Protein backbone atom coordinates (compact mmCIF):
# COMPACT_ATOMS: atom_id res chain seq x y z
CA MET A 1 16.66 -13.81 15.44
CA CYS A 2 20.36 -14.08 14.95
CA GLY A 3 23.68 -12.29 15.01
CA VAL A 4 25.37 -10.61 12.04
CA PHE A 5 29.03 -9.65 11.72
CA SER A 6 30.86 -8.19 8.72
CA ILE A 7 34.29 -6.68 8.04
CA ILE A 8 35.22 -4.68 4.94
CA SER A 9 38.91 -3.90 4.35
CA LEU A 10 39.35 -0.53 2.64
CA ASP A 11 42.98 -0.55 1.60
CA GLN A 12 44.73 -3.91 1.36
CA SER A 13 44.28 -7.55 2.19
CA ASN A 14 44.84 -8.61 5.78
CA ASP A 15 45.73 -12.11 6.90
CA SER A 16 43.97 -11.40 10.21
CA LEU A 17 40.59 -10.74 8.57
CA GLU A 18 39.26 -14.27 9.02
CA GLU A 19 40.61 -14.47 12.59
CA ALA A 20 38.90 -11.20 13.55
CA GLY A 21 35.66 -12.27 11.87
CA LYS A 22 35.60 -15.66 13.58
CA LYS A 23 36.29 -13.97 16.92
CA GLY A 24 33.27 -11.72 16.32
CA LEU A 25 31.04 -14.71 15.61
CA VAL A 26 32.21 -16.45 18.78
CA GLU A 27 31.22 -13.34 20.75
CA LEU A 28 27.78 -13.44 19.08
CA ARG A 29 27.17 -17.17 19.51
CA HIS A 30 24.55 -16.60 22.24
CA ARG A 31 22.42 -14.77 19.64
CA GLY A 32 22.46 -17.79 17.34
CA PRO A 33 23.27 -20.98 19.25
CA ASP A 34 21.83 -23.27 16.55
CA MET A 35 24.38 -22.60 13.80
CA SER A 36 27.32 -20.38 12.84
CA SER A 37 28.73 -19.84 9.35
CA TYR A 38 30.64 -17.31 7.26
CA VAL A 39 32.05 -16.49 3.81
CA TYR A 40 35.16 -14.42 3.19
CA ASN A 41 38.02 -13.41 0.94
CA ASP A 42 41.14 -11.39 1.63
CA LYS A 43 39.22 -8.08 1.89
CA PHE A 44 35.76 -9.07 3.03
CA PHE A 45 34.11 -11.14 5.81
CA PHE A 46 30.40 -11.94 6.03
CA GLY A 47 29.31 -13.97 9.09
CA HIS A 48 26.11 -15.11 10.81
CA THR A 49 24.97 -16.96 13.92
CA ARG A 50 21.50 -18.51 13.67
CA LEU A 51 18.60 -18.98 16.06
CA SER A 52 16.24 -21.13 13.97
CA ILE A 53 12.62 -19.90 14.14
CA PHE A 54 11.21 -20.37 10.62
CA ASP A 55 12.32 -23.25 8.39
CA LEU A 56 14.48 -25.23 10.80
CA SER A 57 16.32 -26.99 7.96
CA ASP A 58 19.65 -25.94 6.47
CA SER A 59 17.93 -24.51 3.39
CA SER A 60 17.64 -21.09 5.12
CA LYS A 61 21.15 -21.23 6.54
CA GLN A 62 23.06 -17.95 6.30
CA PRO A 63 24.97 -16.30 4.73
CA TYR A 64 22.21 -16.97 2.23
CA PRO A 65 22.20 -18.73 -0.17
CA PRO A 66 24.21 -21.40 1.68
CA GLN A 67 26.97 -22.25 -0.78
CA SER A 68 30.74 -22.56 -0.43
CA LYS A 69 32.79 -20.23 1.77
CA GLU A 70 34.09 -18.45 -1.33
CA LEU A 71 32.54 -15.03 -1.82
CA ASN A 72 31.82 -15.29 -5.55
CA SER A 73 28.09 -14.44 -5.55
CA SER A 74 25.60 -12.20 -3.77
CA ARG A 75 24.92 -13.06 -0.11
CA LEU A 76 22.57 -12.00 2.69
CA ILE A 77 23.00 -11.95 6.47
CA PHE A 78 19.84 -11.10 8.36
CA ASN A 79 18.82 -10.71 12.00
CA GLY A 80 15.10 -10.57 12.77
CA GLU A 81 11.83 -11.64 11.22
CA ILE A 82 9.64 -10.59 8.29
CA PHE A 83 6.24 -11.45 9.74
CA ASN A 84 4.23 -11.02 6.53
CA PHE A 85 6.61 -13.15 4.45
CA ARG A 86 3.92 -15.66 3.50
CA ASP A 87 1.66 -12.99 2.00
CA LEU A 88 4.56 -11.29 0.23
CA SER A 89 5.93 -14.52 -1.24
CA SER A 90 2.63 -15.13 -3.04
CA GLN A 91 1.94 -11.49 -3.94
CA LEU A 92 5.40 -10.55 -5.19
CA PHE A 93 6.82 -13.81 -6.49
CA ASP A 94 3.72 -15.89 -7.28
CA ASN A 95 5.04 -18.79 -5.21
CA ASN A 96 2.75 -21.72 -4.51
CA GLU A 97 4.89 -22.78 -1.57
CA PRO A 98 5.63 -19.89 0.81
CA LEU A 99 9.26 -18.94 1.13
CA SER A 100 10.88 -18.64 4.55
CA ASP A 101 11.37 -15.04 5.62
CA THR A 102 15.09 -15.33 4.82
CA GLN A 103 14.34 -16.63 1.33
CA LEU A 104 11.66 -13.96 0.88
CA LEU A 105 14.04 -11.16 1.87
CA TRP A 106 16.72 -12.55 -0.46
CA ASN A 107 14.31 -12.61 -3.42
CA PHE A 108 13.02 -9.18 -2.45
CA LEU A 109 16.52 -7.67 -2.48
CA GLU A 110 17.56 -9.51 -5.63
CA SER A 111 14.59 -8.11 -7.53
CA LYS A 112 15.12 -4.43 -6.68
CA ASP A 113 17.78 -1.75 -6.94
CA PHE A 114 18.76 0.60 -4.13
CA ASN A 115 16.51 3.45 -5.27
CA SER A 116 13.40 1.27 -5.37
CA LEU A 117 14.25 -0.25 -1.99
CA LYS A 118 14.03 3.19 -0.38
CA LYS A 119 10.29 2.99 -1.01
CA ASP A 120 9.59 -0.73 -1.19
CA LEU A 121 11.05 -1.67 2.21
CA ASN A 122 7.82 -0.26 3.62
CA GLU A 123 6.07 -3.37 2.28
CA LEU A 124 7.85 -5.43 4.94
CA ASN A 125 6.10 -5.91 8.27
CA GLY A 126 8.77 -7.01 10.68
CA MET A 127 11.89 -6.30 12.67
CA TRP A 128 15.31 -6.56 11.07
CA SER A 129 18.88 -5.58 10.61
CA PHE A 130 20.48 -6.98 7.47
CA LEU A 131 23.48 -6.67 5.18
CA TYR A 132 23.21 -7.68 1.54
CA TYR A 133 26.33 -8.11 -0.59
CA ASP A 134 25.42 -7.35 -4.21
CA HIS A 135 28.10 -9.17 -6.19
CA LYS A 136 26.98 -7.80 -9.56
CA ASP A 137 26.81 -4.18 -8.39
CA GLN A 138 29.81 -4.54 -6.04
CA SER A 139 28.05 -2.86 -3.18
CA ILE A 140 26.74 -3.55 0.33
CA ILE A 141 23.16 -2.62 1.18
CA TYR A 142 22.26 -2.50 4.87
CA SER A 143 19.14 -1.56 6.78
CA ARG A 144 17.54 -1.43 10.20
CA ASP A 145 13.80 -1.72 10.91
CA ARG A 146 11.52 1.26 11.39
CA PHE A 147 11.62 1.44 15.19
CA GLY A 148 14.98 -0.14 16.02
CA GLU A 149 13.83 -3.48 17.41
CA LYS A 150 16.94 -5.17 16.00
CA PRO A 151 20.32 -3.54 16.67
CA LEU A 152 23.06 -2.84 14.14
CA PHE A 153 26.34 -1.08 14.98
CA LYS A 154 29.01 0.28 12.64
CA TYR A 155 32.70 1.03 13.09
CA SER A 156 34.50 3.20 10.54
CA SER A 157 38.19 4.03 10.16
CA ASP A 158 40.52 4.70 7.23
CA LYS A 159 41.22 0.96 7.07
CA TYR A 160 38.01 -0.91 7.91
CA ILE A 161 34.25 -0.77 8.11
CA ILE A 162 32.79 -3.26 10.59
CA PHE A 163 29.12 -4.09 11.21
CA SER A 164 27.86 -6.09 14.19
CA SER A 165 24.69 -6.90 16.11
CA GLU A 166 26.53 -5.93 19.31
CA ILE A 167 29.23 -3.45 20.28
CA MET A 168 31.88 -5.50 22.07
CA PRO A 169 32.67 -7.86 19.16
CA ILE A 170 33.64 -4.74 17.19
CA CYS A 171 36.07 -3.71 19.92
CA ASP A 172 37.67 -7.18 19.86
CA ALA A 173 37.96 -7.17 16.05
CA VAL A 174 39.55 -3.72 15.99
CA GLU A 175 42.13 -4.88 18.52
CA ILE A 176 43.06 -7.80 16.25
CA LEU A 177 42.99 -5.89 12.96
CA GLU A 178 44.49 -2.54 13.95
CA ASP A 179 46.20 -3.35 17.24
CA LYS A 180 44.10 -0.55 18.72
CA ILE A 181 42.04 -0.50 21.90
CA LEU A 182 38.81 1.50 21.70
CA LYS A 183 38.09 3.52 24.82
CA PRO A 184 34.77 5.07 25.94
CA LYS A 185 34.30 8.84 26.01
CA SER A 186 33.88 10.27 29.50
CA ASP A 187 31.31 12.77 28.16
CA GLN A 188 29.00 9.92 27.18
CA ILE A 189 29.36 8.26 30.59
CA TYR A 190 28.56 11.63 32.16
CA ASN A 191 25.43 11.99 29.98
CA PHE A 192 24.35 8.57 31.15
CA ILE A 193 24.80 9.39 34.85
CA LYS A 194 23.01 12.74 34.51
CA PHE A 195 20.18 11.87 32.09
CA GLY A 196 19.94 8.08 32.30
CA ASN A 197 20.84 7.61 28.64
CA LEU A 198 23.43 8.58 26.04
CA SER A 199 23.08 11.73 23.97
CA ASP A 200 20.97 10.27 21.15
CA LYS A 201 19.75 7.01 19.59
CA SER A 202 22.82 6.68 17.31
CA THR A 203 25.39 7.24 20.04
CA THR A 204 27.47 4.62 21.82
CA PRO A 205 30.12 5.15 24.52
CA PHE A 206 32.78 4.80 21.79
CA SER A 207 33.27 7.71 19.39
CA GLU A 208 34.36 5.34 16.58
CA ILE A 209 31.22 3.15 16.88
CA SER A 210 27.72 4.34 16.04
CA ALA A 211 24.32 2.69 16.02
CA ILE A 212 22.59 2.60 12.65
CA ALA A 213 19.46 4.67 13.29
CA PRO A 214 16.01 3.04 13.00
CA GLY A 215 14.32 3.37 9.61
CA ILE A 216 17.63 3.62 7.71
CA ILE A 217 18.75 2.03 4.47
CA GLY A 218 22.38 2.50 3.43
CA ARG A 219 24.68 1.58 0.56
CA ILE A 220 28.47 1.16 0.45
CA ASP A 221 30.15 1.33 -2.96
CA LEU A 222 32.92 -1.24 -2.76
CA ALA A 223 34.95 0.54 -5.46
CA SER A 224 35.06 3.99 -3.86
CA PHE A 225 33.89 2.98 -0.32
CA GLN A 226 31.53 5.92 -0.33
CA ILE A 227 28.62 5.47 2.09
CA PHE A 228 25.14 6.80 1.41
CA GLU A 229 22.31 6.58 3.97
CA THR A 230 18.70 7.67 3.80
CA ASN A 231 15.41 7.10 5.65
CA PHE A 232 13.00 4.64 4.11
CA PHE A 233 10.52 5.39 6.91
CA THR A 234 9.44 8.69 8.46
CA TYR A 235 6.62 9.45 10.87
CA ASN A 236 3.61 11.02 9.17
CA ASN A 237 1.83 13.35 11.58
CA SER A 238 -0.46 14.78 8.91
CA ILE A 239 -2.88 11.83 8.98
CA LYS A 240 -5.70 12.43 11.48
CA PHE A 241 -8.35 9.93 12.50
CA ASP A 242 -11.76 11.58 12.12
CA GLY A 243 -14.05 8.82 13.37
CA SER A 244 -15.70 8.31 16.76
CA TYR A 245 -14.05 6.74 19.79
CA GLU A 246 -16.09 3.56 19.24
CA GLU A 247 -14.84 3.37 15.64
CA ALA A 248 -11.29 3.91 16.85
CA LEU A 249 -11.64 1.06 19.35
CA ILE A 250 -12.89 -1.31 16.63
CA GLU A 251 -10.06 -0.31 14.29
CA PHE A 252 -7.50 -0.71 17.06
CA SER A 253 -8.84 -4.19 17.88
CA ASN A 254 -8.60 -5.32 14.26
CA ILE A 255 -5.06 -4.07 13.68
CA PHE A 256 -3.80 -5.22 17.08
CA GLU A 257 -5.16 -8.75 16.73
CA SER A 258 -3.69 -8.97 13.21
CA SER A 259 -0.32 -7.89 14.65
CA VAL A 260 -0.48 -10.48 17.43
CA GLU A 261 -1.51 -13.23 15.00
CA LEU A 262 1.45 -12.41 12.71
CA ARG A 263 3.88 -12.42 15.63
CA ALA A 264 2.54 -15.70 16.99
CA GLN A 265 3.73 -17.48 13.84
CA ALA A 266 6.76 -19.74 14.28
CA ASP A 267 8.01 -23.24 13.62
CA VAL A 268 8.95 -23.45 17.32
CA PRO A 269 6.90 -23.02 20.55
CA VAL A 270 5.77 -19.49 21.47
CA ALA A 271 5.14 -18.09 24.98
CA LEU A 272 4.23 -14.75 26.57
CA ALA A 273 5.94 -12.47 29.11
CA LEU A 274 3.04 -11.43 31.33
CA SER A 275 3.44 -8.76 33.99
CA GLY A 276 -0.28 -8.34 34.59
CA GLY A 277 -0.22 -4.73 33.47
CA LEU A 278 -2.50 -3.36 30.76
CA ASP A 279 -0.04 -3.86 27.90
CA SER A 280 0.97 -7.51 28.33
CA THR A 281 -2.58 -8.45 29.36
CA CYS A 282 -3.85 -7.03 26.05
CA VAL A 283 -1.37 -9.25 24.22
CA LEU A 284 -2.68 -12.22 26.22
CA ALA A 285 -6.29 -11.33 25.38
CA ALA A 286 -5.46 -11.10 21.67
CA LEU A 287 -3.53 -14.39 21.72
CA ASN A 288 -6.52 -16.15 23.24
CA LYS A 289 -8.70 -14.79 20.41
CA VAL A 290 -6.41 -15.58 17.46
CA LEU A 291 -5.19 -18.91 18.92
CA PRO A 292 -8.29 -20.02 20.85
CA ARG A 293 -7.35 -23.68 21.26
CA ALA A 294 -3.62 -23.31 21.77
CA GLU A 295 -1.97 -24.14 25.07
CA LEU A 296 -0.34 -20.89 26.09
CA ASN A 297 2.35 -20.59 28.76
CA CYS A 298 2.81 -17.19 30.40
CA TYR A 299 5.99 -16.27 32.30
CA THR A 300 6.02 -13.63 35.01
CA SER A 301 8.79 -12.35 37.25
CA HIS A 302 8.53 -12.73 41.00
CA PHE A 303 10.61 -11.87 44.07
CA GLU A 304 10.01 -13.94 47.16
CA ASN A 305 8.67 -12.02 50.18
CA ASN A 306 8.11 -8.96 48.03
CA GLU A 307 5.06 -7.29 46.60
CA SER A 308 5.16 -8.02 42.86
CA GLU A 309 3.01 -8.31 39.78
CA ILE A 310 2.12 -11.94 40.33
CA GLN A 311 -1.36 -11.17 41.69
CA TRP A 312 -2.26 -9.26 38.52
CA ALA A 313 -0.65 -11.87 36.29
CA ASN A 314 -2.83 -14.47 38.06
CA PHE A 315 -5.98 -12.43 37.41
CA ALA A 316 -5.12 -12.25 33.70
CA SER A 317 -4.15 -15.90 33.23
CA GLU A 318 -7.26 -17.19 35.01
CA VAL A 319 -9.68 -15.69 32.46
CA HIS A 320 -8.92 -18.43 29.90
CA ASN A 321 -7.05 -20.84 32.20
CA ASN A 322 -3.66 -20.08 30.67
CA ASN A 323 -0.63 -21.58 32.38
CA LEU A 324 1.19 -19.05 34.56
CA ILE A 325 4.83 -19.79 35.38
CA PRO A 326 6.34 -17.51 38.07
CA VAL A 327 10.09 -17.01 37.69
CA ASN A 328 11.72 -16.26 41.02
CA THR A 329 14.61 -13.78 40.87
CA ARG A 330 17.03 -14.28 43.73
CA LEU A 331 18.63 -11.28 45.40
CA ASP A 332 21.94 -13.01 46.15
CA ASN A 333 23.14 -13.02 42.53
CA TRP A 334 21.72 -9.83 41.07
CA ARG A 335 25.15 -8.16 40.72
CA LEU A 336 26.39 -11.17 38.73
CA LEU A 337 23.42 -10.80 36.40
CA VAL A 338 24.17 -7.09 35.97
CA ASN A 339 27.73 -7.93 34.93
CA ILE A 340 26.56 -10.53 32.39
CA ILE A 341 24.03 -8.17 30.80
CA GLN A 342 26.49 -5.28 30.91
CA LYS A 343 29.07 -7.20 28.92
CA ARG A 344 26.56 -7.90 26.14
CA LEU A 345 25.16 -4.37 26.03
CA GLY A 346 28.45 -2.61 25.44
CA MET A 347 27.15 0.40 27.35
CA PRO A 348 25.73 1.20 30.81
CA ILE A 349 22.03 0.68 31.39
CA ASN A 350 19.63 2.70 33.54
CA SER A 351 16.85 0.17 34.12
CA PRO A 352 17.18 -2.38 36.95
CA ALA A 353 14.17 -4.15 35.39
CA VAL A 354 16.63 -5.92 33.09
CA ILE A 355 17.46 -8.29 35.97
CA PRO A 356 14.04 -9.96 36.32
CA HIS A 357 13.52 -9.63 32.56
CA PHE A 358 16.75 -11.51 31.85
CA ASN A 359 15.86 -14.23 34.37
CA LEU A 360 12.45 -14.65 32.73
CA MET A 361 14.05 -15.21 29.31
CA ILE A 362 16.51 -17.75 30.71
CA ALA A 363 13.68 -19.69 32.36
CA ALA A 364 11.59 -19.71 29.17
CA ARG A 365 14.53 -21.01 27.12
CA LYS A 366 15.18 -23.79 29.64
CA ASP A 367 11.56 -24.86 29.10
CA GLY A 368 12.16 -25.07 25.35
CA TYR A 369 10.81 -21.71 24.20
CA LYS A 370 12.62 -19.72 21.54
CA VAL A 371 9.97 -17.01 21.01
CA ILE A 372 8.43 -14.70 23.64
CA LEU A 373 5.78 -12.05 22.96
CA GLU A 374 5.88 -8.87 25.06
CA GLY A 375 3.95 -5.62 25.57
CA GLN A 376 6.86 -3.24 24.92
CA GLY A 377 6.07 0.06 23.20
CA ALA A 378 2.54 0.70 24.48
CA ASP A 379 3.59 3.17 27.20
CA GLU A 380 5.37 5.39 24.68
CA LEU A 381 2.51 5.13 22.17
CA LEU A 382 -0.44 5.58 24.51
CA GLY A 383 0.82 7.76 27.36
CA GLY A 384 1.73 5.32 30.09
CA TYR A 385 4.27 7.39 32.04
CA ILE A 386 3.71 9.90 34.80
CA HIS A 387 5.09 12.82 32.76
CA HIS A 388 2.49 12.09 30.06
CA HIS A 389 -0.22 12.48 32.70
CA CYS A 390 1.28 15.77 33.85
CA LEU A 391 1.40 17.15 30.31
CA TYR A 392 -2.17 16.13 29.60
CA LEU A 393 -3.32 17.75 32.84
CA LEU A 394 -1.60 21.01 31.86
CA SER A 395 -3.18 20.70 28.42
CA LEU A 396 -6.64 20.48 29.99
CA PHE A 397 -6.01 23.58 32.10
CA LYS A 398 -4.65 25.41 29.04
CA LYS A 399 -7.87 24.57 27.15
CA MET A 400 -9.89 25.74 30.19
CA LYS A 401 -11.45 22.30 30.66
CA ILE A 402 -11.38 22.81 34.42
CA SER A 403 -13.85 20.10 35.47
CA GLN A 404 -12.09 17.45 33.38
CA ALA A 405 -8.72 18.65 34.68
CA PHE A 406 -9.65 18.21 38.35
CA ASN A 407 -11.23 14.81 37.68
CA PHE A 408 -8.05 13.72 35.89
CA LEU A 409 -5.90 15.17 38.70
CA TRP A 410 -7.78 13.17 41.35
CA LEU A 411 -7.24 9.88 39.55
CA ALA A 412 -3.62 10.72 38.73
CA LEU A 413 -2.91 11.34 42.43
CA LYS A 414 -4.46 7.96 43.29
CA GLN A 415 -2.45 6.26 40.56
CA HIS A 416 0.99 7.76 41.21
CA GLY A 417 0.87 9.05 44.77
CA VAL A 418 0.53 12.67 45.88
CA ILE A 419 4.21 13.52 46.41
CA LEU A 420 5.59 11.93 43.24
CA PHE A 421 2.91 13.37 40.98
CA CYS A 422 3.09 16.86 42.48
CA VAL A 423 6.90 16.97 42.22
CA THR A 424 6.77 15.84 38.59
CA LEU A 425 3.97 18.28 37.81
CA LEU A 426 5.91 21.13 39.41
CA ARG A 427 8.89 20.37 37.18
CA PHE A 428 6.71 20.62 34.08
CA VAL A 429 5.09 23.85 35.29
CA VAL A 430 8.55 25.40 35.78
CA ASN A 431 9.59 24.23 32.31
CA GLN A 432 6.49 25.81 30.82
CA ILE A 433 7.21 29.10 32.55
CA LEU A 434 10.77 29.05 31.22
CA SER A 435 9.48 28.26 27.72
CA MET A 436 7.09 31.18 27.88
CA ILE A 437 9.95 33.47 28.91
CA LYS A 438 12.43 32.20 26.29
CA LEU A 439 10.12 31.41 23.38
CA ASN A 440 7.10 33.55 24.20
CA ARG A 441 4.90 30.51 23.64
CA SER A 442 3.73 27.37 25.39
CA THR A 443 5.36 24.04 24.56
CA ILE A 444 2.54 21.85 25.92
CA ASN A 445 1.97 19.22 23.25
CA ILE A 446 1.27 15.70 24.45
CA LYS A 447 1.38 14.20 20.94
CA ASN A 448 4.86 15.63 20.28
CA GLU A 449 6.03 14.32 23.66
CA LEU A 450 4.72 10.84 22.91
CA LEU A 451 6.43 10.80 19.52
CA SER A 452 9.70 11.98 21.07
CA ASP A 453 9.55 9.29 23.78
CA PHE A 454 8.70 6.65 21.19
CA SER A 455 11.33 7.55 18.61
CA VAL A 456 14.18 9.13 20.61
CA LYS A 457 14.13 9.51 24.36
CA ILE A 458 12.82 6.27 25.88
CA LEU A 459 11.85 3.40 23.58
CA PRO A 460 15.11 2.98 21.57
CA ALA A 461 17.07 2.22 24.76
CA LEU A 462 14.36 -0.14 26.07
CA LEU A 463 14.35 -2.05 22.79
CA HIS A 464 18.13 -2.43 22.97
CA TYR A 465 17.90 -3.73 26.54
CA GLY A 466 15.09 -6.10 25.58
CA ASP A 467 17.03 -7.47 22.63
CA ILE A 468 20.14 -8.10 24.73
CA CYS A 469 18.25 -9.74 27.62
CA SER A 470 16.36 -12.08 25.31
CA MET A 471 19.22 -12.90 22.96
CA THR A 472 21.69 -13.54 25.77
CA GLY A 473 19.27 -16.29 26.76
CA GLY A 474 18.87 -17.51 23.17
CA VAL A 475 15.27 -16.24 22.89
CA GLU A 476 13.58 -14.01 20.30
CA ASN A 477 11.34 -11.32 21.77
CA ARG A 478 8.48 -9.94 19.67
CA ASN A 479 6.51 -6.74 20.28
CA PRO A 480 2.98 -6.64 18.78
CA PHE A 481 2.54 -2.95 19.69
CA LEU A 482 5.34 -2.14 17.23
CA ASP A 483 3.51 -3.23 14.10
CA PHE A 484 3.91 -0.18 11.84
CA ARG A 485 0.18 -0.25 10.97
CA LEU A 486 -0.71 0.04 14.65
CA VAL A 487 1.90 2.74 15.31
CA ASN A 488 0.62 4.85 12.41
CA PHE A 489 -2.97 4.40 13.54
CA ILE A 490 -2.34 5.36 17.17
CA HIS A 491 -0.31 8.40 16.13
CA SER A 492 -3.34 9.54 14.11
CA LEU A 493 -5.69 9.55 17.13
CA PRO A 494 -6.65 12.77 18.93
CA GLU A 495 -5.24 13.12 22.44
CA GLU A 496 -8.79 12.89 23.86
CA PHE A 497 -8.81 9.21 22.84
CA LEU A 498 -5.57 8.58 24.74
CA PHE A 499 -6.85 10.03 28.04
CA LYS A 500 -10.55 9.57 28.73
CA ASP A 501 -12.77 9.85 31.80
CA GLY A 502 -9.74 10.68 33.94
CA LEU A 503 -7.80 7.56 32.89
CA ASN A 504 -4.88 6.86 30.61
CA LYS A 505 -4.90 4.14 27.92
CA PRO A 506 -8.71 3.98 27.64
CA ILE A 507 -8.49 2.00 24.38
CA LEU A 508 -6.51 -0.75 26.12
CA ARG A 509 -8.86 -0.73 29.11
CA ASP A 510 -11.95 -0.98 26.92
CA TYR A 511 -10.35 -3.71 24.80
CA LEU A 512 -9.74 -5.74 27.97
CA ILE A 513 -13.27 -5.16 29.28
CA ARG A 514 -14.78 -6.42 26.03
CA ASN A 515 -12.64 -9.53 26.24
CA GLY A 516 -13.43 -10.37 29.86
CA TYR A 517 -10.36 -9.03 31.71
CA LEU A 518 -12.27 -6.71 34.05
CA LYS A 519 -9.88 -6.73 37.00
CA ASN A 520 -6.82 -5.89 34.92
CA ALA A 521 -8.74 -3.30 32.90
CA ASN A 522 -9.60 -1.32 36.03
CA ARG A 523 -6.10 -1.40 37.43
CA LEU A 524 -4.67 2.04 38.24
CA ASP A 525 -1.12 1.45 39.46
CA LYS A 526 1.86 0.77 37.20
CA LYS A 527 4.83 -1.33 38.33
CA GLY A 528 6.25 -3.51 35.58
CA TYR A 529 8.98 -5.90 36.69
CA SER A 530 9.88 -3.99 39.85
CA LEU A 531 12.58 -4.89 42.35
CA PRO A 532 12.53 -4.91 46.17
CA TYR A 533 14.42 -1.61 46.25
CA LYS A 534 14.43 -1.21 50.02
CA SER A 535 15.91 -4.67 50.68
CA ILE A 536 18.59 -4.22 48.03
CA CYS A 537 19.58 -0.78 49.31
CA LYS A 538 19.82 -1.94 52.94
CA ASN A 539 21.77 -5.12 52.17
CA ASN A 540 24.33 -3.69 49.74
CA LYS A 541 25.44 -0.38 51.28
CA ILE A 542 29.20 -1.07 51.12
CA ASP A 543 29.04 -2.44 47.57
CA PHE A 544 27.02 0.60 46.43
CA LYS A 545 29.45 3.04 48.05
CA ILE A 546 32.34 1.45 46.14
CA SER A 547 30.47 1.79 42.82
CA SER A 548 29.51 5.44 43.29
CA ASP A 549 32.97 6.37 44.60
CA ASP A 550 34.59 4.64 41.59
CA ILE A 551 32.49 6.70 39.17
CA THR A 552 33.18 9.92 41.07
CA LYS A 553 36.94 9.24 40.72
CA TYR A 554 36.51 8.45 37.01
CA PHE A 555 35.16 11.97 36.47
CA LYS A 556 38.07 13.74 38.18
CA SER A 557 39.00 15.58 34.96
CA LEU A 558 35.49 16.93 34.28
CA PRO A 559 34.68 20.66 34.56
CA LEU A 560 33.50 21.79 37.97
CA THR A 561 29.86 22.18 36.90
CA LYS A 562 29.69 18.58 35.71
CA LYS A 563 31.45 17.35 38.85
CA PHE A 564 28.81 19.17 40.86
CA HIS A 565 26.01 17.40 38.95
CA ILE A 566 27.60 14.04 39.67
CA LYS A 567 27.92 14.83 43.38
CA ILE A 568 24.24 15.87 43.59
CA ILE A 569 23.09 12.66 41.89
CA ASN A 570 25.40 10.69 44.19
CA LEU A 571 23.84 12.40 47.21
CA ILE A 572 20.31 11.50 46.05
CA SER A 573 21.36 7.90 45.52
CA LYS A 574 22.66 7.65 49.09
CA THR A 575 19.69 9.25 50.90
CA PRO A 576 16.64 7.02 50.31
CA PHE A 577 15.13 8.14 53.61
CA ILE A 578 14.67 11.58 51.99
CA PHE A 579 13.98 10.80 48.32
CA GLY A 580 12.45 7.34 48.64
CA TYR A 581 14.04 3.96 47.99
CA LYS A 582 12.80 3.61 44.41
CA ARG A 583 14.04 7.03 43.28
CA SER A 584 17.34 6.67 45.13
CA PHE A 585 17.91 3.20 43.73
CA PHE A 586 17.22 4.44 40.19
CA HIS A 587 20.14 6.88 40.51
CA LEU A 588 22.22 4.40 42.45
CA TYR A 589 21.74 1.81 39.74
CA LYS A 590 23.22 4.20 37.19
CA PHE A 591 26.42 4.30 39.22
CA ILE A 592 26.38 0.50 39.59
CA SER A 593 25.83 -0.01 35.87
CA ALA A 594 28.46 2.51 34.78
CA SER A 595 30.93 1.05 37.29
CA ALA A 596 30.31 -2.50 35.98
CA PHE A 597 30.71 -1.32 32.39
CA LEU A 598 34.01 0.46 33.10
CA LYS A 599 35.28 -2.45 35.18
CA HIS A 600 34.62 -4.86 32.32
CA LEU A 601 36.53 -2.58 29.96
CA ASN A 602 39.31 -2.07 32.48
CA ASP A 603 39.73 -5.82 32.90
CA ASN A 604 40.24 -5.93 29.14
CA SER A 605 42.46 -2.78 29.12
CA LYS A 606 39.81 -0.70 27.32
CA VAL A 607 39.56 2.15 29.80
CA ASP A 608 42.02 4.62 31.29
CA ASN A 609 42.58 4.33 35.02
């Protein structure tokens, strides 16, 4: 896990190129605190900050191969991990001694042209964003992993193309190179306040900066500067699993444990982020199977004097006597933490869970851990959210499976609460009625909804947040549920295997039962790293009012309809006694986050007052 930064000058040499590149690397130093290096000439900068995970020696130093600073040969800068590098080094290159994943990727790219890479990148099992300078072909090849675990952003103008692992270093480089200050678009900030995210997975608040989409490979011709991008990975919905549920459970167990074993590899200590929910407990169960004699430390977030996940994390860790380390998140500095995370993100964030998550990563790094495994991705794959339950319930009624529907409804009400579930269900019923009127057909399709949440609506933003929280602390986070073999397998399952006997995630529950985690397997509620919403709301009323009022003023030039939307959301955020503290704080946090983002830009003269 590292940071990459590159500048390509399109017209003429610029004496400020090295200065801008070095500034970018300084801004990315938290991503790679172990080492920083670069190569450059008068039209090209290729830089890297390194967090050493595999091969701790200088032999895998980047830009790779580590030679002089003169750019007179092909080079690679790479952020992420290729988990199956040992298998590939023997299969593809007949090496007796396994290459490091950096060396493997270098050899892989050196041995193939762009057209073959469009297919052959699917041999890699990992998470990555990389740029490869092909000296012989005079081109740049860049790529981002299938699901977007590792970020890569691109700035394009008529003078420069800039790539970076984070957004703000690009803004700083543009200011040096072009004497231009990039400003966020108010429409994107509005989309964030209204929907909780930006318009799509490639969008940033800055119109000149885009995120390279997951599953992309691109090529820049350095003679013409033409850019060509294509997908090396697409979701295949045509494959259907035709075995029994028992066969599916066995297949899931095999793939999942293989994924965990691959992601537990490192030349540095590895730990686990354990909430006590189904997802992270499954990772713990698999770790105890594939590493049965290893001492495993588990970190969980905890707020003093507040109901949290620590009870469930204790249940999970006690099964095999794993060490559980509670990380207390104090309430007196949470706004400071928001500001730190906000600066790294380069965009507002809608999840207050980043606060305990960030604290957990900092604590793990202080204890000497550079790698943390997590359970991210399972909710989007297996139907872990309340709206998935609502859609499945409607699907049962549509199929006239009335008895199953009422059984599922009873358990859903126990799991989510009567009011919240009924309000969410009502929203979906209204949407279905509108779809029937507009399209003359039903749009109830739980598998399509899961794929949309996984690839577009929910997971991409969560992966970005997770990357920033971990890398700001100098930690690499790994997600076993995002092994492409497991993703393809789960997408092939019928929806009846995702919701069974009135419960969601039956495969995870049964996996836990078979491995001795009975208490966690039978858990109904879902919290994650929650915050004491009521305490925060009551103790920060003045601070919150300033944030929401600042955002309302920022939108003074919006059309009346959009102003109205903002006022309604503002009203919900200020009336927790009507809408509940958790729901109100969710909307309130959007104002806080957007206000912190704009304030950071304003302090650096990157936003209009």
